[in-house]
C-alpha atoms as a PDB file:
ATOM      1  CA  MET A   1     117.694  92.990  80.466  1.00  0.00           C
ATOM      2  CA  LYS A   2     115.760  93.070  77.339  1.00  0.00           C
ATOM      3  CA  LYS A   3     113.436  95.800  76.397  1.00  0.00           C
ATOM      4  CA  MET A   4     110.016  96.247  74.092  1.00  0.00           C
ATOM      5  CA  ILE A   5     108.495  99.166  73.427  1.00  0.00           C
ATOM      6  CA  VAL A   6     104.892 100.076  74.406  1.00  0.00           C
ATOM      7  CA  ASP A   7     103.117 103.158  73.585  1.00  0.00           C
ATOM      8  CA  ASP A   8     106.990 104.880  72.292  1.00  0.00           C
ATOM      9  CA  MET A   9     108.559 103.971  75.385  1.00  0.00           C
ATOM     10  CA  ALA A  10     110.936 101.227  76.543  1.00  0.00           C
ATOM     11  CA  VAL A  11     109.706  98.428  78.637  1.00  0.00           C
ATOM     12  CA  ALA A  12     112.683  96.467  79.937  1.00  0.00           C
ATOM     13  CA  PHE A  13     111.757  92.813  81.147  1.00  0.00           C
ATOM     14  CA  THR A  14     113.825  89.824  81.914  1.00  0.00           C
ATOM     15  CA  LYS A  15     113.175  85.617  82.460  1.00  0.00           C
ATOM     16  CA  ARG A  16     114.389  84.017  84.918  1.00  0.00           C
ATOM     17  CA  ASN A  17     113.455  79.606  84.802  1.00  0.00           C
ATOM     18  CA  GLN A  18     110.574  79.713  82.366  1.00  0.00           C
ATOM     19  CA  ASP A  19     108.901  83.040  84.244  1.00  0.00           C
ATOM     20  CA  ASP A  20     108.883  86.785  82.714  1.00  0.00           C
ATOM     21  CA  TYR A  21     109.152  89.626  84.549  1.00  0.00           C
ATOM     22  CA  ILE A  22     108.973  92.954  83.549  1.00  0.00           C
ATOM     23  CA  SER A  23     110.366  96.466  84.972  1.00  0.00           C
ATOM     24  CA  LEU A  24     107.561  98.531  87.181  1.00  0.00           C
ATOM     25  CA  THR A  25     109.216 101.330  86.968  1.00  0.00           C
ATOM     26  CA  ASP A  26     109.768 101.641  83.379  1.00  0.00           C
ATOM     27  CA  MET A  27     105.368 100.897  83.010  1.00  0.00           C
ATOM     28  CA  ALA A  28     104.929 103.479  85.395  1.00  0.00           C
ATOM     29  CA  LYS A  29     107.263 106.299  83.412  1.00  0.00           C
ATOM     30  CA  CYS A  30     104.377 105.744  80.688  1.00  0.00           C
ATOM     31  CA  LYS A  31     102.003 106.941  83.297  1.00  0.00           C
ATOM     32  CA  ASN A  32     103.937 109.963  84.800  1.00  0.00           C
ATOM     33  CA  ALA A  33     107.667 109.822  84.072  1.00  0.00           C
ATOM     34  CA  GLU A  34     108.496 112.585  86.712  1.00  0.00           C
ATOM     35  CA  ALA A  35     107.322 110.610  89.812  1.00  0.00           C
ATOM     36  CA  THR A  36     107.038 107.014  89.334  1.00  0.00           C
ATOM     37  CA  GLY A  37     107.329 105.900  92.600  1.00  0.00           C
ATOM     38  CA  LEU A  38     104.276 107.793  93.532  1.00  0.00           C
ATOM     39  CA  VAL A  39     102.786 105.953  90.594  1.00  0.00           C
ATOM     40  CA  ILE A  40     103.969 102.660  92.106  1.00  0.00           C
ATOM     41  CA  SER A  41     103.362 103.660  95.170  1.00  0.00           C
ATOM     42  CA  HIS A  42      99.428 104.847  94.263  1.00  0.00           C
ATOM     43  CA  TRP A  43      99.250 101.133  92.338  1.00  0.00           C
ATOM     44  CA  LEU A  44     100.185  98.906  95.150  1.00  0.00           C
ATOM     45  CA  SER A  45      97.948 100.471  97.581  1.00  0.00           C
ATOM     46  CA  THR A  46      95.070  99.735  95.545  1.00  0.00           C
ATOM     47  CA  ARG A  47      92.740  96.758  96.763  1.00  0.00           C
ATOM     48  CA  TYR A  48      93.333  94.906  93.929  1.00  0.00           C
ATOM     49  CA  ALA A  49      96.864  94.881  93.853  1.00  0.00           C
ATOM     50  CA  ILE A  50      96.595  93.958  98.167  1.00  0.00           C
ATOM     51  CA  GLU A  51      94.297  90.653  97.169  1.00  0.00           C
ATOM     52  CA  PHE A  52      96.871  88.865  94.706  1.00  0.00           C
ATOM     53  CA  PRO A  53      99.716  88.465  97.142  1.00  0.00           C
ATOM     54  CA  GLY A  54      96.402  86.991  99.918  1.00  0.00           C
ATOM     55  CA  ILE A  55      95.087  84.686  96.895  1.00  0.00           C
ATOM     56  CA  TRP A  56      98.912  83.549  96.954  1.00  0.00           C
ATOM     57  CA  GLU A  57      99.361  83.565 100.023  1.00  0.00           C
ATOM     58  CA  THR A  58      96.221  81.158 100.900  1.00  0.00           C
ATOM     59  CA  ILE A  59      96.866  78.854  97.988  1.00  0.00           C
ATOM     60  CA  ASN A  60     100.822  78.476  98.560  1.00  0.00           C
ATOM     61  CA  ASN A  61     101.718  78.969 102.503  1.00  0.00           C
ATOM     62  CA  PRO A  62     100.276  76.735 104.813  1.00  0.00           C
ATOM     63  CA  ASP A  63     101.367  79.380 106.965  1.00  0.00           C
ATOM     64  CA  PHE A  64      99.455  82.375 106.477  1.00  0.00           C
ATOM     65  CA  ASN A  65      97.761  84.707 108.525  1.00  0.00           C
ATOM     66  CA  VAL A  66      94.365  84.810 107.442  1.00  0.00           C
ATOM     67  CA  THR A  67      93.144  86.751 109.972  1.00  0.00           C
ATOM     68  CA  GLU A  68      95.914  89.105 110.073  1.00  0.00           C
ATOM     69  CA  PHE A  69      95.952  89.817 106.452  1.00  0.00           C
ATOM     70  CA  SER A  70      91.954  90.406 106.491  1.00  0.00           C
ATOM     71  CA  ASN A  71      93.403  93.531 107.988  1.00  0.00           C
ATOM     72  CA  ILE A  72      95.213  94.544 106.015  1.00  0.00           C
ATOM     73  CA  ARG A  73      92.441  93.639 102.523  1.00  0.00           C
ATOM     74  CA  ILE A  74      90.140  95.631 104.459  1.00  0.00           C
ATOM     75  CA  ASP A  75      92.383  98.920 105.361  1.00  0.00           C
ATOM     76  CA  SER A  76      93.509  99.009 101.049  1.00  0.00           C
ATOM     77  CA  GLY A  77      92.006 101.154  98.960  1.00  0.00           C
ATOM     78  CA  SER A  78      90.935 103.331 101.251  1.00  0.00           C
ATOM     79  CA  ASN A  79      91.965 107.292 101.705  1.00  0.00           C
ATOM     80  CA  GLY A  80      94.303 106.549 105.224  1.00  0.00           C
ATOM     81  CA  TYR A  81      96.167 103.389 103.660  1.00  0.00           C
ATOM     82  CA  VAL A  82      99.575 103.510 103.437  1.00  0.00           C
ATOM     83  CA  LEU A  83     102.221 100.689 102.887  1.00  0.00           C
ATOM     84  CA  SER A  84     104.804 100.383 105.624  1.00  0.00           C
END
């Protein structure tokens, strides 16, 4: 795994095939080194983070359940939304 320096912090990344992957945990450390899990949890509960896989699934998965996903998307970003 390679590392790059971002704002004086090392962030790991790797390449698989032609795609680059970056460590979310290392990125979260830049925001709050003591509570990286909480930072990632907050990121993942935002509407934008939920909408991205929905768009990807709509384009790439002919069996994607748009109706069920719509319920998840509507709840995302609300104070009571929790990933399960």
